[in-house]
All heavy atoms as atom14 arrays in JSON, in Angstrom:
{
  "sequence": "NWLTNAAEPAPGALDPTNNHTYSLIEDIVEELSEIFP",
  "atom14_mask": [
    [1, 1, 1, 1, 1, 1, 1, 1, 0, 0, 0, 0, 0, 0],
    [1, 1, 1, 1, 1, 1, 1, 1, 1, 1, 1, 1, 1, 1],
    [1, 1, 1, 1, 1, 1, 1, 1, 0, 0, 0, 0, 0, 0],
    [1, 1, 1, 1, 1, 1, 1, 0, 0, 0, 0, 0, 0, 0],
    [1, 1, 1, 1, 1, 1, 1, 1, 0, 0, 0, 0, 0, 0],
    [1, 1, 1, 1, 1, 0, 0, 0, 0, 0, 0, 0, 0, 0],
    [1, 1, 1, 1, 1, 0, 0, 0, 0, 0, 0, 0, 0, 0],
    [1, 1, 1, 1, 1, 1, 1, 1, 1, 0, 0, 0, 0, 0],
    [1, 1, 1, 1, 1, 1, 1, 0, 0, 0, 0, 0, 0, 0],
    [1, 1, 1, 1, 1, 0, 0, 0, 0, 0, 0, 0, 0, 0],
    [1, 1, 1, 1, 1, 1, 1, 0, 0, 0, 0, 0, 0, 0],
    [1, 1, 1, 1, 0, 0, 0, 0, 0, 0, 0, 0, 0, 0],
    [1, 1, 1, 1, 1, 0, 0, 0, 0, 0, 0, 0, 0, 0],
    [1, 1, 1, 1, 1, 1, 1, 1, 0, 0, 0, 0, 0, 0],
    [1, 1, 1, 1, 1, 1, 1, 1, 0, 0, 0, 0, 0, 0],
    [1, 1, 1, 1, 1, 1, 1, 0, 0, 0, 0, 0, 0, 0],
    [1, 1, 1, 1, 1, 1, 1, 0, 0, 0, 0, 0, 0, 0],
    [1, 1, 1, 1, 1, 1, 1, 1, 0, 0, 0, 0, 0, 0],
    [1, 1, 1, 1, 1, 1, 1, 1, 0, 0, 0, 0, 0, 0],
    [1, 1, 1, 1, 1, 1, 1, 1, 1, 1, 0, 0, 0, 0],
    [1, 1, 1, 1, 1, 1, 1, 0, 0, 0, 0, 0, 0, 0],
    [1, 1, 1, 1, 1, 1, 1, 1, 1, 1, 1, 1, 0, 0],
    [1, 1, 1, 1, 1, 1, 0, 0, 0, 0, 0, 0, 0, 0],
    [1, 1, 1, 1, 1, 1, 1, 1, 0, 0, 0, 0, 0, 0],
    [1, 1, 1, 1, 1, 1, 1, 1, 0, 0, 0, 0, 0, 0],
    [1, 1, 1, 1, 1, 1, 1, 1, 1, 0, 0, 0, 0, 0],
    [1, 1, 1, 1, 1, 1, 1, 1, 0, 0, 0, 0, 0, 0],
    [1, 1, 1, 1, 1, 1, 1, 1, 0, 0, 0, 0, 0, 0],
    [1, 1, 1, 1, 1, 1, 1, 0, 0, 0, 0, 0, 0, 0],
    [1, 1, 1, 1, 1, 1, 1, 1, 1, 0, 0, 0, 0, 0],
    [1, 1, 1, 1, 1, 1, 1, 1, 1, 0, 0, 0, 0, 0],
    [1, 1, 1, 1, 1, 1, 1, 1, 0, 0, 0, 0, 0, 0],
    [1, 1, 1, 1, 1, 1, 0, 0, 0, 0, 0, 0, 0, 0],
    [1, 1, 1, 1, 1, 1, 1, 1, 1, 0, 0, 0, 0, 0],
    [1, 1, 1, 1, 1, 1, 1, 1, 0, 0, 0, 0, 0, 0],
    [1, 1, 1, 1, 1, 1, 1, 1, 1, 1, 1, 0, 0, 0],
    [1, 1, 1, 1, 1, 1, 1, 0, 0, 0, 0, 0, 0, 0]
  ],
  "atom14_positions": [
    [[-2.26, -1.69, 2.41], [-2.82, -2.65, 1.46], [-2.81, -2.06, 0.05], [-3.45, -1.04, -0.2], [-4.25, -3.01, 1.87], [-4.83, -4.15, 1.04], [-4.4, -4.41, -0.08], [-5.81, -4.83, 1.61], [0.0, 0.0, 0.0], [0.0, 0.0, 0.0], [0.0, 0.0, 0.0], [0.0, 0.0, 0.0], [0.0, 0.0, 0.0], [0.0, 0.0, 0.0]],
    [[-2.11, -2.7, -0.85], [-1.98, -2.14, -2.2], [-3.32, -2.11, -2.93], [-3.52, -1.27, -3.83], [-0.96, -2.92, -3.02], [-1.36, -4.31, -3.41], [-1.13, -5.47, -2.73], [-2.09, -4.69, -4.59], [-1.65, -6.55, -3.39], [-2.24, -6.1, -4.55], [-2.62, -3.99, -5.67], [-2.9, -6.82, -5.54], [-3.29, -4.7, -6.67], [-3.42, -6.09, -6.59]],
    [[-4.26, -2.97, -2.57], [-5.54, -3.0, -3.26], [-6.31, -1.69, -3.13], [-7.08, -1.32, -4.02], [-6.4, -4.14, -2.71], [-5.97, -5.56, -3.14], [-6.73, -6.6, -2.35], [-6.18, -5.75, -4.63], [0.0, 0.0, 0.0], [0.0, 0.0, 0.0], [0.0, 0.0, 0.0], [0.0, 0.0, 0.0], [0.0, 0.0, 0.0], [0.0, 0.0, 0.0]],
    [[-6.08, -0.97, -2.04], [-6.78, 0.3, -1.85], [-5.9, 1.51, -2.12], [-6.41, 2.63, -2.24], [-7.32, 0.4, -0.42], [-6.25, 0.21, 0.52], [-8.39, -0.64, -0.16], [0.0, 0.0, 0.0], [0.0, 0.0, 0.0], [0.0, 0.0, 0.0], [0.0, 0.0, 0.0], [0.0, 0.0, 0.0], [0.0, 0.0, 0.0], [0.0, 0.0, 0.0]],
    [[-4.58, 1.3, -2.24], [-3.68, 2.45, -2.32], [-2.77, 2.47, -3.54], [-1.92, 3.36, -3.65], [-2.82, 2.51, -1.06], [-3.62, 2.93, 0.16], [-4.4, 3.87, 0.1], [-3.45, 2.21, 1.26], [0.0, 0.0, 0.0], [0.0, 0.0, 0.0], [0.0, 0.0, 0.0], [0.0, 0.0, 0.0], [0.0, 0.0, 0.0], [0.0, 0.0, 0.0]],
    [[-2.92, 1.51, -4.45], [-2.04, 1.48, -5.63], [-2.69, 0.64, -6.72], [-3.64, -0.12, -6.47], [-0.67, 0.91, -5.25], [0.0, 0.0, 0.0], [0.0, 0.0, 0.0], [0.0, 0.0, 0.0], [0.0, 0.0, 0.0], [0.0, 0.0, 0.0], [0.0, 0.0, 0.0], [0.0, 0.0, 0.0], [0.0, 0.0, 0.0], [0.0, 0.0, 0.0]],
    [[-2.15, 0.76, -7.93], [-2.66, -0.04, -9.04], [-2.18, -1.47, -8.97], [-2.82, -2.38, -9.51], [-2.23, 0.6, -10.36], [0.0, 0.0, 0.0], [0.0, 0.0, 0.0], [0.0, 0.0, 0.0], [0.0, 0.0, 0.0], [0.0, 0.0, 0.0], [0.0, 0.0, 0.0], [0.0, 0.0, 0.0], [0.0, 0.0, 0.0], [0.0, 0.0, 0.0]],
    [[-1.03, -1.68, -8.32], [-0.47, -3.02, -8.17], [0.55, -2.98, -7.05], [0.96, -1.9, -6.61], [0.2, -3.47, -9.48], [1.39, -2.61, -9.91], [2.05, -3.1, -11.19], [1.33, -3.54, -12.12], [3.29, -3.04, -11.26], [0.0, 0.0, 0.0], [0.0, 0.0, 0.0], [0.0, 0.0, 0.0], [0.0, 0.0, 0.0], [0.0, 0.0, 0.0]],
    [[0.98, -4.12, -6.57], [2.05, -4.1, -5.56], [3.35, -3.6, -6.21], [3.61, -3.93, -7.37], [2.2, -5.56, -5.14], [1.2, -6.34, -5.94], [0.54, -5.46, -6.91], [0.0, 0.0, 0.0], [0.0, 0.0, 0.0], [0.0, 0.0, 0.0], [0.0, 0.0, 0.0], [0.0, 0.0, 0.0], [0.0, 0.0, 0.0], [0.0, 0.0, 0.0]],
    [[4.16, -2.79, -5.56], [4.07, -2.37, -4.16], [3.49, -0.96, -4.07], [3.79, -0.12, -4.93], [5.47, -2.38, -3.56], [0.0, 0.0, 0.0], [0.0, 0.0, 0.0], [0.0, 0.0, 0.0], [0.0, 0.0, 0.0], [0.0, 0.0, 0.0], [0.0, 0.0, 0.0], [0.0, 0.0, 0.0], [0.0, 0.0, 0.0], [0.0, 0.0, 0.0]],
    [[2.67, -0.68, -3.04], [2.09, 0.65, -2.92], [3.13, 1.68, -2.47], [4.1, 1.36, -1.81], [1.02, 0.46, -1.84], [1.55, -0.64, -0.99], [2.27, -1.57, -1.93], [0.0, 0.0, 0.0], [0.0, 0.0, 0.0], [0.0, 0.0, 0.0], [0.0, 0.0, 0.0], [0.0, 0.0, 0.0], [0.0, 0.0, 0.0], [0.0, 0.0, 0.0]],
    [[2.89, 2.92, -2.86], [3.78, 4.0, -2.46], [3.66, 5.17, -3.42], [3.67, 4.99, -4.64], [0.0, 0.0, 0.0], [0.0, 0.0, 0.0], [0.0, 0.0, 0.0], [0.0, 0.0, 0.0], [0.0, 0.0, 0.0], [0.0, 0.0, 0.0], [0.0, 0.0, 0.0], [0.0, 0.0, 0.0], [0.0, 0.0, 0.0], [0.0, 0.0, 0.0]],
    [[3.5, 6.38, -2.86], [3.4, 7.59, -3.68], [4.16, 8.71, -2.99], [4.18, 8.81, -1.75], [1.94, 7.99, -3.89], [0.0, 0.0, 0.0], [0.0, 0.0, 0.0], [0.0, 0.0, 0.0], [0.0, 0.0, 0.0], [0.0, 0.0, 0.0], [0.0, 0.0, 0.0], [0.0, 0.0, 0.0], [0.0, 0.0, 0.0], [0.0, 0.0, 0.0]],
    [[4.79, 9.56, -3.79], [5.52, 10.69, -3.23], [4.58, 11.62, -2.47], [3.4, 11.76, -2.81], [6.21, 11.47, -4.35], [7.39, 10.81, -5.04], [7.85, 11.67, -6.21], [8.55, 10.58, -4.07], [0.0, 0.0, 0.0], [0.0, 0.0, 0.0], [0.0, 0.0, 0.0], [0.0, 0.0, 0.0], [0.0, 0.0, 0.0], [0.0, 0.0, 0.0]],
    [[5.12, 12.25, -1.46], [4.39, 13.25, -0.69], [4.53, 14.59, -1.4], [5.6, 15.22, -1.36], [4.95, 13.33, 0.73], [4.28, 14.39, 1.58], [3.4, 15.11, 1.06], [4.65, 14.51, 2.76], [0.0, 0.0, 0.0], [0.0, 0.0, 0.0], [0.0, 0.0, 0.0], [0.0, 0.0, 0.0], [0.0, 0.0, 0.0], [0.0, 0.0, 0.0]],
    [[3.46, 15.09, -2.05], [3.57, 16.34, -2.8], [3.52, 17.58, -1.93], [3.63, 18.7, -2.45], [2.37, 16.27, -3.74], [1.37, 15.46, -3.02], [2.13, 14.48, -2.17], [0.0, 0.0, 0.0], [0.0, 0.0, 0.0], [0.0, 0.0, 0.0], [0.0, 0.0, 0.0], [0.0, 0.0, 0.0], [0.0, 0.0, 0.0], [0.0, 0.0, 0.0]],
    [[3.36, 17.4, -0.61], [3.33, 18.55, 0.3], [4.68, 18.81, 0.94], [4.83, 19.78, 1.7], [2.28, 18.33, 1.4], [2.72, 17.29, 2.3], [0.93, 17.95, 0.81], [0.0, 0.0, 0.0], [0.0, 0.0, 0.0], [0.0, 0.0, 0.0], [0.0, 0.0, 0.0], [0.0, 0.0, 0.0], [0.0, 0.0, 0.0], [0.0, 0.0, 0.0]],
    [[5.65, 17.96, 0.64], [6.98, 18.07, 1.24], [7.92, 18.76, 0.25], [8.14, 18.27, -0.87], [7.5, 16.67, 1.59], [8.75, 16.7, 2.44], [9.58, 17.61, 2.33], [8.91, 15.69, 3.29], [0.0, 0.0, 0.0], [0.0, 0.0, 0.0], [0.0, 0.0, 0.0], [0.0, 0.0, 0.0], [0.0, 0.0, 0.0], [0.0, 0.0, 0.0]],
    [[8.51, 19.87, 0.64], [9.42, 20.61, -0.25], [10.63, 19.79, -0.64], [11.2, 19.97, -1.73], [9.85, 21.92, 0.41], [8.72, 22.94, 0.47], [7.81, 22.92, -0.36], [8.78, 23.82, 1.46], [0.0, 0.0, 0.0], [0.0, 0.0, 0.0], [0.0, 0.0, 0.0], [0.0, 0.0, 0.0], [0.0, 0.0, 0.0], [0.0, 0.0, 0.0]],
    [[11.06, 18.88, 0.23], [12.21, 18.04, -0.08], [11.92, 17.09, -1.25], [12.84, 16.66, -1.95], [12.65, 17.25, 1.15], [13.17, 18.11, 2.26], [14.32, 18.86, 2.15], [12.67, 18.34, 3.5], [14.53, 19.52, 3.27], [13.55, 19.22, 4.12], [0.0, 0.0, 0.0], [0.0, 0.0, 0.0], [0.0, 0.0, 0.0], [0.0, 0.0, 0.0]],
    [[10.65, 16.77, -1.44], [10.26, 15.95, -2.6], [10.7, 16.63, -3.89], [11.28, 16.01, -4.79], [8.74, 15.72, -2.62], [8.37, 14.97, -1.46], [8.31, 14.98, -3.88], [0.0, 0.0, 0.0], [0.0, 0.0, 0.0], [0.0, 0.0, 0.0], [0.0, 0.0, 0.0], [0.0, 0.0, 0.0], [0.0, 0.0, 0.0], [0.0, 0.0, 0.0]],
    [[10.43, 17.91, -3.99], [10.75, 18.65, -5.22], [12.25, 18.9, -5.36], [12.76, 18.95, -6.48], [9.97, 19.97, -5.24], [8.47, 19.72, -5.23], [7.74, 19.88, -4.05], [7.82, 19.28, -6.37], [6.37, 19.61, -4.03], [6.45, 19.02, -6.35], [5.73, 19.18, -5.17], [4.39, 18.91, -5.16], [0.0, 0.0, 0.0], [0.0, 0.0, 0.0]],
    [[12.95, 18.98, -4.24], [14.42, 19.11, -4.31], [15.02, 17.84, -4.91], [15.94, 17.9, -5.74], [14.98, 19.35, -2.91], [14.54, 20.58, -2.4], [0.0, 0.0, 0.0], [0.0, 0.0, 0.0], [0.0, 0.0, 0.0], [0.0, 0.0, 0.0], [0.0, 0.0, 0.0], [0.0, 0.0, 0.0], [0.0, 0.0, 0.0], [0.0, 0.0, 0.0]],
    [[14.49, 16.69, -4.49], [14.96, 15.42, -5.06], [14.63, 15.34, -6.54], [15.49, 14.94, -7.36], [14.33, 14.25, -4.31], [14.69, 12.85, -4.82], [16.19, 12.58, -4.64], [13.86, 11.78, -4.11], [0.0, 0.0, 0.0], [0.0, 0.0, 0.0], [0.0, 0.0, 0.0], [0.0, 0.0, 0.0], [0.0, 0.0, 0.0], [0.0, 0.0, 0.0]],
    [[13.43, 15.72, -6.91], [13.04, 15.68, -8.31], [13.92, 16.6, -9.15], [14.34, 16.24, -10.26], [11.55, 16.06, -8.46], [10.66, 15.01, -7.8], [11.17, 16.22, -9.94], [9.2, 15.4, -7.72], [0.0, 0.0, 0.0], [0.0, 0.0, 0.0], [0.0, 0.0, 0.0], [0.0, 0.0, 0.0], [0.0, 0.0, 0.0], [0.0, 0.0, 0.0]],
    [[14.22, 17.77, -8.64], [15.09, 18.7, -9.36], [16.44, 18.07, -9.65], [16.97, 18.19, -10.76], [15.27, 19.98, -8.55], [14.06, 20.9, -8.56], [14.23, 22.1, -7.65], [15.19, 22.11, -6.85], [13.4, 23.03, -7.73], [0.0, 0.0, 0.0], [0.0, 0.0, 0.0], [0.0, 0.0, 0.0], [0.0, 0.0, 0.0], [0.0, 0.0, 0.0]],
    [[17.0, 17.39, -8.67], [18.3, 16.74, -8.86], [18.22, 15.64, -9.91], [19.12, 15.49, -10.75], [18.8, 16.16, -7.53], [19.26, 17.22, -6.54], [19.44, 18.38, -6.96], [19.42, 16.89, -5.34], [0.0, 0.0, 0.0], [0.0, 0.0, 0.0], [0.0, 0.0, 0.0], [0.0, 0.0, 0.0], [0.0, 0.0, 0.0], [0.0, 0.0, 0.0]],
    [[17.16, 14.84, -9.85], [17.0, 13.73, -10.78], [16.85, 14.25, -12.21], [17.53, 13.79, -13.14], [15.79, 12.86, -10.39], [16.06, 12.13, -9.08], [15.47, 11.85, -11.5], [14.83, 11.46, -8.48], [0.0, 0.0, 0.0], [0.0, 0.0, 0.0], [0.0, 0.0, 0.0], [0.0, 0.0, 0.0], [0.0, 0.0, 0.0], [0.0, 0.0, 0.0]],
    [[15.97, 15.22, -12.39], [15.71, 15.76, -13.73], [16.97, 16.44, -14.29], [17.3, 16.28, -15.47], [14.53, 16.75, -13.71], [14.37, 17.43, -15.07], [13.23, 16.03, -13.33], [0.0, 0.0, 0.0], [0.0, 0.0, 0.0], [0.0, 0.0, 0.0], [0.0, 0.0, 0.0], [0.0, 0.0, 0.0], [0.0, 0.0, 0.0], [0.0, 0.0, 0.0]],
    [[17.67, 17.16, -13.44], [18.88, 17.85, -13.9], [19.93, 16.86, -14.38], [20.53, 17.05, -15.46], [19.45, 18.71, -12.77], [20.68, 19.51, -13.19], [21.24, 20.39, -12.09], [20.84, 20.21, -10.91], [22.07, 21.27, -12.39], [0.0, 0.0, 0.0], [0.0, 0.0, 0.0], [0.0, 0.0, 0.0], [0.0, 0.0, 0.0], [0.0, 0.0, 0.0]],
    [[20.15, 15.79, -13.64], [21.19, 14.84, -14.04], [20.77, 14.08, -15.29], [21.57, 13.89, -16.21], [21.5, 13.86, -12.91], [22.64, 12.91, -13.27], [23.23, 12.18, -12.07], [22.81, 12.45, -10.92], [24.11, 11.33, -12.29], [0.0, 0.0, 0.0], [0.0, 0.0, 0.0], [0.0, 0.0, 0.0], [0.0, 0.0, 0.0], [0.0, 0.0, 0.0]],
    [[19.51, 13.64, -15.36], [19.06, 12.92, -16.53], [19.03, 13.81, -17.77], [19.27, 13.33, -18.89], [17.67, 12.32, -16.29], [17.62, 11.15, -15.31], [16.18, 10.68, -15.13], [18.49, 10.0, -15.77], [0.0, 0.0, 0.0], [0.0, 0.0, 0.0], [0.0, 0.0, 0.0], [0.0, 0.0, 0.0], [0.0, 0.0, 0.0], [0.0, 0.0, 0.0]],
    [[18.78, 15.08, -17.6], [18.77, 16.01, -18.73], [20.15, 16.16, -19.33], [20.29, 16.44, -20.52], [18.22, 17.38, -18.29], [16.87, 17.28, -17.9], [0.0, 0.0, 0.0], [0.0, 0.0, 0.0], [0.0, 0.0, 0.0], [0.0, 0.0, 0.0], [0.0, 0.0, 0.0], [0.0, 0.0, 0.0], [0.0, 0.0, 0.0], [0.0, 0.0, 0.0]],
    [[21.17, 15.99, -18.52], [22.54, 16.04, -19.02], [22.93, 14.76, -19.74], [23.7, 14.78, -20.7], [23.5, 16.3, -17.85], [23.34, 17.67, -17.2], [24.17, 17.82, -15.94], [24.81, 16.82, -15.53], [24.19, 18.93, -15.36], [0.0, 0.0, 0.0], [0.0, 0.0, 0.0], [0.0, 0.0, 0.0], [0.0, 0.0, 0.0], [0.0, 0.0, 0.0]],
    [[22.38, 13.64, -19.28], [22.73, 12.34, -19.86], [21.97, 12.08, -21.16], [22.53, 11.57, -22.14], [22.45, 11.21, -18.85], [23.34, 11.37, -17.61], [22.65, 9.84, -19.49], [22.95, 10.47, -16.46], [0.0, 0.0, 0.0], [0.0, 0.0, 0.0], [0.0, 0.0, 0.0], [0.0, 0.0, 0.0], [0.0, 0.0, 0.0], [0.0, 0.0, 0.0]],
    [[20.68, 12.43, -21.16], [19.81, 12.16, -22.31], [19.6, 13.46, -23.08], [18.91, 14.37, -22.6], [18.47, 11.6, -21.85], [18.56, 10.24, -21.21], [18.78, 10.11, -19.85], [18.43, 9.09, -21.98], [18.87, 8.86, -19.25], [18.52, 7.83, -21.39], [18.74, 7.71, -20.03], [0.0, 0.0, 0.0], [0.0, 0.0, 0.0], [0.0, 0.0, 0.0]],
    [[20.14, 13.59, -24.29], [20.1, 14.86, -25.02], [18.75, 15.16, -25.65], [18.54, 16.28, -26.12], [21.17, 14.67, -26.1], [21.22, 13.19, -26.32], [20.96, 12.57, -24.98], [0.0, 0.0, 0.0], [0.0, 0.0, 0.0], [0.0, 0.0, 0.0], [0.0, 0.0, 0.0], [0.0, 0.0, 0.0], [0.0, 0.0, 0.0], [0.0, 0.0, 0.0]]
  ]
}
């Protein structure tokens, strides 16, 4: 239920205890850093 788990629909938050979360973030930041100077 988004009313208890988010500010608005749709609910969902990254799992900060999963190392793969940070691997994905690293890839995203690295690619965007090359595109946006």
